[in-house]
N, C-alpha and C. Protein backbone atom coordinates (compact mmCIF):
# COMPACT_ATOMS: atom_id res chain seq x y z
N MET A 1 134.28 126.11 85.82
CA MET A 1 133.49 125.93 84.79
C MET A 1 133.88 124.79 84.02
N THR A 2 133.21 123.90 83.49
CA THR A 2 133.33 122.72 82.98
C THR A 2 132.97 122.82 81.24
N ILE A 3 133.52 122.22 80.33
CA ILE A 3 132.93 122.33 79.17
C ILE A 3 132.01 121.38 78.68
N PRO A 4 131.03 121.42 78.40
CA PRO A 4 130.10 120.39 78.25
C PRO A 4 130.74 119.37 77.19
N GLU A 5 130.45 118.10 77.43
CA GLU A 5 130.98 117.14 76.50
C GLU A 5 130.80 116.98 75.14
N TRP A 6 129.65 117.29 74.65
CA TRP A 6 129.12 117.45 73.21
C TRP A 6 129.95 118.69 72.48
N LEU A 7 130.34 119.72 73.35
CA LEU A 7 131.10 120.71 72.44
C LEU A 7 132.29 120.18 72.00
N VAL A 8 133.26 119.41 72.78
CA VAL A 8 134.34 119.06 71.99
C VAL A 8 134.22 118.37 70.68
N PRO A 9 133.37 117.43 70.59
CA PRO A 9 133.37 116.54 69.02
C PRO A 9 132.80 117.72 68.41
N LEU A 10 131.75 118.62 68.56
CA LEU A 10 131.39 119.39 67.54
C LEU A 10 132.40 120.60 67.28
N ALA A 11 133.39 120.85 68.06
CA ALA A 11 134.47 121.80 67.77
C ALA A 11 135.27 121.17 66.76
N LEU A 12 135.56 119.87 67.00
CA LEU A 12 136.36 118.96 66.20
C LEU A 12 135.98 118.62 64.84
N ILE A 13 134.54 118.50 64.57
CA ILE A 13 134.01 118.81 63.41
C ILE A 13 134.00 119.95 62.69
N ILE A 14 133.60 120.66 63.50
CA ILE A 14 133.73 122.17 62.69
C ILE A 14 135.20 122.49 62.13
N GLY A 15 136.16 122.22 63.07
CA GLY A 15 137.46 122.29 62.66
C GLY A 15 138.10 121.42 61.60
N ALA A 16 137.66 120.25 61.13
CA ALA A 16 137.76 119.52 60.27
C ALA A 16 136.99 119.97 58.89
N ILE A 17 135.73 120.69 59.22
CA ILE A 17 134.90 120.99 57.99
C ILE A 17 135.89 122.49 57.37
N VAL A 18 136.20 123.08 58.26
CA VAL A 18 136.94 124.47 57.80
C VAL A 18 138.26 124.05 57.21
N THR A 19 138.99 122.99 57.93
CA THR A 19 140.30 122.68 57.15
C THR A 19 139.96 122.01 55.71
N LEU A 20 138.82 121.13 55.65
CA LEU A 20 138.74 120.53 54.27
C LEU A 20 138.33 121.58 53.53
N TRP A 21 137.51 122.76 53.87
CA TRP A 21 136.71 123.76 53.07
C TRP A 21 138.04 124.16 52.43
N LYS A 22 139.19 124.90 53.55
CA LYS A 22 140.14 125.68 52.92
C LYS A 22 141.06 124.73 51.80
N ALA A 23 141.11 123.45 52.20
CA ALA A 23 141.96 122.66 51.30
C ALA A 23 141.50 122.73 49.79
N LEU A 24 140.20 122.30 49.94
CA LEU A 24 139.38 122.21 48.67
C LEU A 24 139.31 123.57 47.93
N GLY A 25 139.31 124.75 48.50
CA GLY A 25 139.48 125.97 48.08
C GLY A 25 140.74 126.22 47.30
N LYS A 26 141.97 125.68 48.06
CA LYS A 26 143.25 126.12 47.47
C LYS A 26 143.31 125.14 46.10
N ARG A 27 142.84 123.93 46.42
CA ARG A 27 142.92 122.93 45.17
C ARG A 27 141.95 123.63 44.18
N THR A 28 140.89 123.99 44.40
CA THR A 28 140.11 124.70 43.38
C THR A 28 140.66 125.85 42.63
N ASP A 29 141.32 126.82 43.54
CA ASP A 29 141.99 127.84 42.88
C ASP A 29 142.97 127.41 42.01
N HIS A 30 143.80 126.55 42.29
CA HIS A 30 144.86 125.87 41.44
C HIS A 30 144.20 125.44 40.35
N VAL A 31 142.99 124.58 40.38
CA VAL A 31 142.51 124.25 38.95
C VAL A 31 141.91 125.26 38.30
N GLU A 32 141.36 126.32 38.58
CA GLU A 32 140.72 127.32 38.01
C GLU A 32 142.05 128.09 37.22
N THR A 33 143.27 128.37 38.06
CA THR A 33 144.13 128.96 37.30
C THR A 33 144.86 128.08 36.24
N ARG A 34 144.93 126.93 36.58
CA ARG A 34 145.04 126.11 35.11
C ARG A 34 144.25 125.98 33.95
N LEU A 35 143.01 126.15 34.28
CA LEU A 35 141.89 125.93 33.46
C LEU A 35 141.95 127.13 32.67
N GLU A 36 142.32 128.34 33.29
CA GLU A 36 142.22 129.94 32.76
C GLU A 36 143.61 129.83 31.78
N GLU A 37 144.68 129.08 32.28
CA GLU A 37 145.90 129.43 31.40
C GLU A 37 145.65 128.48 30.05
N ARG A 38 145.10 127.47 30.28
CA ARG A 38 144.84 126.81 29.12
C ARG A 38 143.91 127.52 28.23
N LEU A 39 142.86 127.73 28.73
CA LEU A 39 141.71 128.66 27.88
C LEU A 39 142.33 129.68 26.99
N GLN A 40 143.46 130.47 28.04
CA GLN A 40 144.05 131.64 27.01
C GLN A 40 145.19 131.16 26.06
N ARG A 41 145.74 129.98 26.16
CA ARG A 41 146.51 129.45 25.17
C ARG A 41 145.86 129.01 24.09
N THR A 42 144.84 128.20 24.16
CA THR A 42 143.88 127.70 23.07
C THR A 42 143.29 128.98 22.51
N GLU A 43 142.99 130.29 22.99
CA GLU A 43 142.28 131.20 22.45
C GLU A 43 143.21 131.99 21.42
N GLU A 44 144.77 132.08 22.02
CA GLU A 44 145.79 132.51 21.36
C GLU A 44 145.98 131.66 19.93
N ARG A 45 146.15 130.38 20.37
CA ARG A 45 146.33 129.50 18.96
C ARG A 45 145.09 129.47 17.89
N THR A 46 144.00 129.55 18.59
CA THR A 46 142.81 129.70 17.64
C THR A 46 142.84 130.94 16.80
N THR A 47 143.13 132.04 17.56
CA THR A 47 143.36 133.36 17.08
C THR A 47 144.26 133.26 15.99
N GLY A 48 145.36 132.93 16.21
CA GLY A 48 146.28 132.83 15.21
C GLY A 48 145.92 131.99 13.93
N ARG A 49 145.20 130.77 14.28
CA ARG A 49 144.84 130.25 13.15
C ARG A 49 143.74 130.78 12.34
N LEU A 50 142.89 131.41 12.91
CA LEU A 50 141.72 132.39 12.28
C LEU A 50 142.42 133.30 11.23
N GLU A 51 143.46 134.05 12.09
CA GLU A 51 144.26 135.15 11.16
C GLU A 51 144.78 134.54 10.01
N ARG A 52 145.46 133.50 10.11
CA ARG A 52 146.16 132.71 9.08
C ARG A 52 144.97 132.27 7.91
N MET A 53 144.05 131.91 8.18
CA MET A 53 142.82 131.43 7.58
C MET A 53 142.39 132.73 6.68
N GLU A 54 142.38 133.69 7.32
CA GLU A 54 141.69 134.87 6.71
C GLU A 54 142.60 135.66 5.78
N HIS A 55 143.82 135.33 6.16
CA HIS A 55 145.01 135.86 5.16
C HIS A 55 144.70 134.93 3.84
N ARG A 56 144.74 133.63 4.03
CA ARG A 56 144.51 132.72 2.77
C ARG A 56 143.63 132.85 2.01
N LEU A 57 142.38 132.97 2.70
CA LEU A 57 140.84 133.23 2.11
C LEU A 57 141.17 134.79 1.24
N LEU A 58 141.45 135.89 1.94
CA LEU A 58 141.41 136.91 1.17
C LEU A 58 142.62 136.92 -0.04
N SER A 59 143.46 136.11 0.15
CA SER A 59 144.38 136.15 -1.05
C SER A 59 143.79 135.35 -2.17
N ALA A 60 143.21 134.05 -1.87
CA ALA A 60 142.39 133.49 -2.85
C ALA A 60 141.33 134.32 -3.36
N ILE A 61 140.70 135.40 -2.69
CA ILE A 61 139.46 135.77 -3.34
C ILE A 61 140.33 136.86 -4.03
N ARG A 62 141.36 137.56 -3.84
CA ARG A 62 141.92 138.46 -4.64
C ARG A 62 142.61 137.95 -6.14
N SER A 63 142.76 136.64 -5.69
CA SER A 63 143.47 135.79 -7.37
C SER A 63 142.32 135.69 -8.10
N VAL A 64 141.04 135.62 -7.65
CA VAL A 64 139.95 135.15 -8.63
C VAL A 64 139.30 136.29 -8.86
N LEU A 65 138.92 137.10 -8.26
CA LEU A 65 138.00 138.40 -8.38
C LEU A 65 139.23 139.50 -9.34
N PRO A 66 138.55 140.24 -10.13
CA PRO A 66 139.36 141.07 -11.04
C PRO A 66 139.77 142.54 -10.21
N VAL A 67 140.91 142.89 -10.26
CA VAL A 67 141.21 144.15 -9.54
C VAL A 67 140.44 145.32 -10.19
N GLY A 68 140.36 146.32 -9.57
CA GLY A 68 139.67 147.35 -10.33
C GLY A 68 139.82 147.61 -11.78
N ASP A 69 138.84 147.37 -12.53
CA ASP A 69 139.12 147.49 -14.18
C ASP A 69 139.15 149.15 -14.40
N VAL A 70 139.96 149.33 -15.27
CA VAL A 70 140.31 150.70 -15.92
C VAL A 70 139.43 151.18 -17.18
N VAL A 71 138.79 150.01 -17.43
CA VAL A 71 137.88 150.03 -18.60
C VAL A 71 136.25 149.95 -18.16
N ALA A 72 135.22 150.56 -18.80
CA ALA A 72 133.79 150.52 -18.40
C ALA A 72 133.44 149.15 -18.87
N SER A 73 132.63 148.21 -18.80
CA SER A 73 132.07 147.50 -19.42
C SER A 73 130.84 147.71 -20.29
N ARG A 74 130.73 148.68 -21.17
CA ARG A 74 129.85 148.97 -22.03
C ARG A 74 130.46 149.32 -23.57
N SER A 75 129.64 149.72 -24.10
CA SER A 75 130.16 149.89 -25.67
C SER A 75 129.70 151.18 -25.97
N PRO A 76 130.49 152.14 -26.56
CA PRO A 76 131.84 152.10 -27.11
C PRO A 76 132.63 152.15 -25.71
N ILE A 77 134.11 151.53 -25.82
CA ILE A 77 134.60 151.49 -24.65
C ILE A 77 134.74 152.67 -23.96
N ALA A 78 135.15 152.74 -22.94
CA ALA A 78 135.13 154.00 -21.98
C ALA A 78 136.00 153.78 -20.84
N LEU A 79 136.52 154.86 -20.31
CA LEU A 79 137.39 154.67 -19.20
C LEU A 79 136.30 154.64 -17.68
N THR A 80 136.96 154.27 -16.67
CA THR A 80 136.45 154.04 -15.34
C THR A 80 136.88 155.26 -14.77
N PRO A 81 136.49 155.44 -13.66
CA PRO A 81 137.25 156.59 -12.67
C PRO A 81 138.90 156.08 -12.23
N LEU A 82 138.88 155.04 -12.17
CA LEU A 82 140.23 154.43 -11.86
C LEU A 82 141.05 154.46 -13.42
N GLY A 83 140.70 154.21 -14.32
CA GLY A 83 140.99 154.68 -15.80
C GLY A 83 141.49 155.81 -15.86
N LYS A 84 140.69 156.82 -15.38
CA LYS A 84 140.88 158.31 -15.69
C LYS A 84 141.96 158.76 -14.81
N ASN A 85 142.16 158.00 -13.55
CA ASN A 85 143.19 158.33 -12.67
C ASN A 85 144.49 157.85 -13.35
N VAL A 86 144.61 156.60 -13.89
CA VAL A 86 145.55 156.17 -14.59
C VAL A 86 146.20 157.17 -15.66
N ALA A 87 145.11 157.56 -16.45
CA ALA A 87 145.51 158.46 -17.57
C ALA A 87 146.11 159.68 -17.17
N ASN A 88 145.65 160.37 -16.24
CA ASN A 88 146.20 161.34 -15.66
C ASN A 88 147.68 161.40 -15.07
N ASP A 89 147.80 160.10 -14.57
CA ASP A 89 149.10 159.63 -14.05
C ASP A 89 150.01 159.39 -15.09
N MET A 90 149.46 159.10 -16.32
CA MET A 90 150.27 158.78 -17.38
C MET A 90 150.64 159.84 -18.40
N GLU A 91 149.66 160.96 -18.11
CA GLU A 91 149.65 162.22 -19.00
C GLU A 91 149.29 161.82 -20.32
N ALA A 92 148.34 160.93 -20.51
CA ALA A 92 147.87 160.28 -21.40
C ALA A 92 147.37 161.38 -22.60
N ASP A 93 146.73 162.06 -22.14
CA ASP A 93 146.03 163.06 -23.27
C ASP A 93 147.27 163.69 -23.90
N THR A 94 148.20 164.31 -23.32
CA THR A 94 149.15 164.87 -23.87
C THR A 94 150.20 163.94 -24.83
N TRP A 95 150.18 162.85 -24.19
CA TRP A 95 150.93 161.74 -25.27
C TRP A 95 150.28 161.46 -26.43
N ALA A 96 148.77 160.80 -26.19
CA ALA A 96 147.94 160.85 -27.64
C ALA A 96 148.00 162.20 -28.53
N GLU A 97 147.78 163.21 -28.09
CA GLU A 97 147.63 164.14 -28.91
C GLU A 97 149.13 164.50 -29.98
N ASN A 98 150.23 164.44 -29.09
CA ASN A 98 151.33 164.49 -29.83
C ASN A 98 151.64 163.20 -30.90
N LEU A 99 150.97 162.14 -30.75
CA LEU A 99 151.37 160.92 -31.47
C LEU A 99 150.41 160.68 -32.51
N ALA A 100 149.19 161.29 -32.42
CA ALA A 100 147.90 160.85 -33.24
C ALA A 100 147.94 161.50 -34.59
N SER A 101 148.46 162.73 -34.73
CA SER A 101 148.91 163.10 -35.91
C SER A 101 149.85 162.39 -36.75
N GLN A 102 150.79 161.81 -36.24
CA GLN A 102 151.73 161.05 -37.01
C GLN A 102 151.20 159.52 -37.47
N LEU A 103 150.17 159.09 -36.73
CA LEU A 103 149.58 157.80 -36.88
C LEU A 103 148.23 157.93 -37.75
N ALA A 104 147.81 159.30 -38.05
CA ALA A 104 146.33 159.25 -38.28
C ALA A 104 146.32 158.61 -39.96
N THR A 105 147.45 158.64 -40.85
CA THR A 105 146.88 157.92 -42.11
C THR A 105 146.81 156.42 -42.03
N ASP A 106 147.34 155.93 -40.68
CA ASP A 106 147.72 154.69 -40.77
C ASP A 106 146.35 153.76 -40.06
N ALA A 107 145.75 154.89 -39.42
CA ALA A 107 144.94 154.26 -38.37
C ALA A 107 143.17 153.91 -39.11
N GLY A 108 142.87 154.14 -40.51
CA GLY A 108 141.78 153.90 -40.96
C GLY A 108 140.87 154.99 -40.87
N THR A 109 139.74 154.84 -41.08
CA THR A 109 138.70 155.91 -41.40
C THR A 109 137.48 155.64 -40.56
N ARG A 110 137.15 154.45 -40.44
CA ARG A 110 136.00 153.83 -39.58
C ARG A 110 136.53 153.71 -37.89
N ASN A 111 135.38 154.05 -37.05
CA ASN A 111 135.66 154.00 -35.56
C ASN A 111 136.36 152.68 -35.39
N PHE A 112 135.52 151.58 -35.58
CA PHE A 112 136.11 150.38 -35.34
C PHE A 112 137.67 150.04 -35.88
N GLU A 113 137.82 150.54 -36.96
CA GLU A 113 139.24 150.21 -37.61
C GLU A 113 140.36 151.34 -36.62
N ILE A 114 139.98 152.49 -36.22
CA ILE A 114 140.72 153.30 -35.63
C ILE A 114 140.94 152.74 -34.15
N GLN A 115 139.89 152.14 -33.43
CA GLN A 115 139.82 151.61 -32.21
C GLN A 115 140.96 150.35 -32.41
N GLU A 116 140.92 149.29 -33.28
CA GLU A 116 141.71 148.43 -33.34
C GLU A 116 143.01 148.92 -33.52
N PHE A 117 143.32 149.62 -34.50
CA PHE A 117 144.67 150.18 -34.82
C PHE A 117 145.15 150.67 -33.43
N ALA A 118 144.53 151.37 -32.40
CA ALA A 118 145.08 152.01 -31.43
C ALA A 118 145.63 150.94 -30.19
N PHE A 119 144.67 149.91 -30.20
CA PHE A 119 145.00 148.94 -29.27
C PHE A 119 146.23 148.09 -29.87
N GLU A 120 146.08 147.75 -30.99
CA GLU A 120 147.47 147.15 -31.87
C GLU A 120 148.57 147.95 -31.42
N TYR A 121 148.74 149.15 -31.63
CA TYR A 121 149.54 150.03 -31.52
C TYR A 121 150.29 149.76 -30.19
N VAL A 122 149.46 149.93 -29.15
CA VAL A 122 150.06 150.28 -27.83
C VAL A 122 150.59 148.78 -27.22
N GLU A 123 150.03 147.74 -28.08
CA GLU A 123 150.67 146.52 -27.49
C GLU A 123 151.85 145.87 -28.24
N ARG A 124 152.41 146.82 -29.34
CA ARG A 124 153.56 146.32 -29.92
C ARG A 124 154.63 146.53 -28.91
N LYS A 125 155.72 145.66 -28.98
CA LYS A 125 156.74 145.65 -28.15
C LYS A 125 157.71 147.16 -28.59
N ASP A 126 157.89 147.55 -29.90
CA ASP A 126 158.74 148.78 -29.95
C ASP A 126 158.16 150.15 -29.92
N THR A 127 156.95 150.23 -29.19
CA THR A 127 155.90 151.13 -29.31
C THR A 127 156.70 152.35 -28.45
N PHE A 128 156.90 151.80 -27.38
CA PHE A 128 157.64 152.73 -26.21
C PHE A 128 158.94 152.57 -25.95
N ARG A 129 159.48 153.69 -25.75
CA ARG A 129 161.25 153.67 -25.21
C ARG A 129 161.04 153.05 -23.67
N SER A 130 162.26 152.85 -23.39
CA SER A 130 162.65 152.44 -21.85
C SER A 130 161.86 153.52 -20.90
N ALA A 131 162.04 154.42 -21.02
CA ALA A 131 161.55 155.52 -20.08
C ALA A 131 159.99 155.24 -19.79
N LYS A 132 159.52 155.28 -21.04
CA LYS A 132 158.05 155.20 -20.95
C LYS A 132 157.66 153.82 -20.64
N ARG A 133 158.18 152.83 -20.84
CA ARG A 133 157.74 151.31 -20.43
C ARG A 133 158.12 151.50 -18.86
N ASP A 134 159.13 152.05 -18.38
CA ASP A 134 159.26 152.11 -16.87
C ASP A 134 158.02 152.97 -16.23
N ARG A 135 157.71 154.03 -16.89
CA ARG A 135 156.49 154.69 -16.30
C ARG A 135 155.34 154.21 -16.44
N ILE A 136 154.89 153.14 -17.33
CA ILE A 136 153.82 152.19 -17.49
C ILE A 136 153.85 151.04 -16.51
N ARG A 137 155.18 150.63 -16.00
CA ARG A 137 155.22 149.70 -14.81
C ARG A 137 154.98 150.16 -13.57
N GLU A 138 155.63 151.70 -13.38
CA GLU A 138 155.49 152.27 -12.15
C GLU A 138 153.98 152.77 -11.93
N VAL A 139 153.27 153.27 -12.95
CA VAL A 139 151.78 153.52 -12.60
C VAL A 139 151.21 152.25 -12.35
N ALA A 140 151.40 151.33 -13.07
CA ALA A 140 150.48 150.07 -12.75
C ALA A 140 150.77 149.49 -11.40
N TYR A 141 152.14 149.54 -10.81
CA TYR A 141 152.49 149.29 -9.52
C TYR A 141 151.58 150.05 -8.72
N ASN A 142 151.77 151.35 -8.93
CA ASN A 142 151.21 152.28 -8.01
C ASN A 142 149.63 152.23 -7.97
N HIS A 143 148.92 151.84 -8.92
CA HIS A 143 147.25 151.53 -8.82
C HIS A 143 147.02 149.96 -8.55
N GLY A 144 148.15 149.38 -8.43
CA GLY A 144 147.90 147.71 -8.08
C GLY A 144 147.19 146.96 -9.55
N LEU A 145 147.69 147.43 -10.63
CA LEU A 145 147.31 146.94 -11.90
C LEU A 145 148.54 146.09 -12.39
N GLN A 146 148.20 145.45 -13.80
CA GLN A 146 149.00 145.00 -14.37
C GLN A 146 149.23 145.64 -15.58
N THR A 147 150.28 145.74 -16.18
CA THR A 147 150.51 146.67 -17.26
C THR A 147 149.96 146.89 -18.44
N TYR A 148 149.05 145.50 -18.35
CA TYR A 148 148.21 145.65 -19.85
C TYR A 148 147.15 146.63 -19.47
N ALA A 149 146.58 146.52 -18.24
CA ALA A 149 145.38 147.78 -17.92
C ALA A 149 146.16 149.18 -18.33
N VAL A 150 147.36 149.55 -17.85
CA VAL A 150 147.66 151.05 -18.02
C VAL A 150 147.89 150.85 -19.78
N ARG A 151 148.14 149.94 -20.39
CA ARG A 151 148.33 150.13 -22.07
C ARG A 151 146.82 150.21 -22.56
N ARG A 152 145.97 149.64 -21.85
CA ARG A 152 144.46 149.99 -22.29
C ARG A 152 144.08 151.30 -22.11
N VAL A 153 144.49 151.87 -21.16
CA VAL A 153 144.12 153.33 -20.90
C VAL A 153 144.72 154.10 -22.09
N LEU A 154 145.96 154.11 -22.29
CA LEU A 154 146.74 154.68 -23.52
C LEU A 154 146.02 154.22 -24.74
N ALA A 155 145.53 153.39 -25.13
CA ALA A 155 145.08 152.93 -26.00
C ALA A 155 143.78 153.64 -26.26
N ILE A 156 142.68 153.88 -25.41
CA ILE A 156 141.53 154.45 -25.37
C ILE A 156 142.20 155.93 -25.67
N LYS A 157 142.81 156.52 -24.96
CA LYS A 157 143.14 157.77 -25.20
C LYS A 157 143.73 158.11 -26.66
N LEU A 158 144.47 157.17 -26.86
CA LEU A 158 144.93 157.49 -28.55
C LEU A 158 143.76 157.22 -29.50
N ARG A 159 142.99 156.33 -29.18
CA ARG A 159 141.91 155.87 -30.06
C ARG A 159 140.98 157.33 -29.93
N ASP A 160 140.67 157.89 -29.12
CA ASP A 160 139.82 159.28 -28.99
C ASP A 160 140.38 160.32 -29.71
N GLN A 161 141.85 160.52 -29.82
CA GLN A 161 142.28 161.47 -30.71
C GLN A 161 142.47 161.28 -32.17
N LEU A 162 142.61 159.78 -32.21
CA LEU A 162 142.40 159.40 -33.51
C LEU A 162 141.19 159.64 -34.53
N LEU A 163 140.15 159.39 -33.57
CA LEU A 163 138.89 159.64 -33.82
C LEU A 163 138.48 161.07 -34.21
N LYS A 164 139.02 161.91 -33.46
CA LYS A 164 138.78 163.38 -33.25
C LYS A 164 139.39 163.88 -34.90
N LEU A 165 140.66 163.50 -35.09
CA LEU A 165 141.51 163.63 -36.22
C LEU A 165 140.59 163.42 -37.46
N ALA A 166 139.79 162.14 -37.31
CA ALA A 166 139.26 161.56 -38.45
C ALA A 166 137.82 162.28 -38.72
N GLY A 167 137.47 163.38 -37.76
CA GLY A 167 136.07 163.74 -37.80
C GLY A 167 135.10 162.94 -37.20
N LEU A 168 135.56 161.97 -36.44
CA LEU A 168 134.20 161.18 -35.78
C LEU A 168 134.54 161.75 -34.36
N GLN A 169 133.04 161.39 -33.59
CA GLN A 169 132.79 161.62 -32.27
C GLN A 169 133.53 160.55 -31.33
N PRO A 170 134.60 161.02 -30.68
CA PRO A 170 134.85 160.03 -29.66
C PRO A 170 133.78 159.70 -28.36
N PRO A 171 133.74 158.61 -27.76
CA PRO A 171 132.81 158.26 -26.80
C PRO A 171 133.03 159.17 -25.57
N GLU A 172 132.10 159.44 -24.98
CA GLU A 172 132.21 160.38 -23.75
C GLU A 172 132.22 159.40 -22.49
């Protein structure tokens, strides 16, 4: 039996097409692998950049926006829930009760005089002993506040006690 003449060129053409197909397939696989590696590296770099940008943005926002305030923005001045927590941590009620009777004669007789006196008193450098100053700093740190905010809480608690001693109604 003899092979038809047309079958040999056809077999060669089919063999060439299969060989070419396999070679292109390997080349394509290599290109796809390199492309995937590049995309993965680009994604990692982009993710890292986005994380750094997010961190910088949040830092900028935190530096501009006020941290939770301890005092409500209404009149008369009152403590927020955060301010009440700070007052509890500082045992501000006990401190104010013990101190108010000593200061009552100097505080004035009208509510605004008493408030001014209380705020001025807690801002003086010599008001607190070192242990109390350390406690103020510790509570401020624990609540993410500045010591100024803790002193404001103490001033409000002192004001309220002085108002009671003066026969005036402290704000609720």
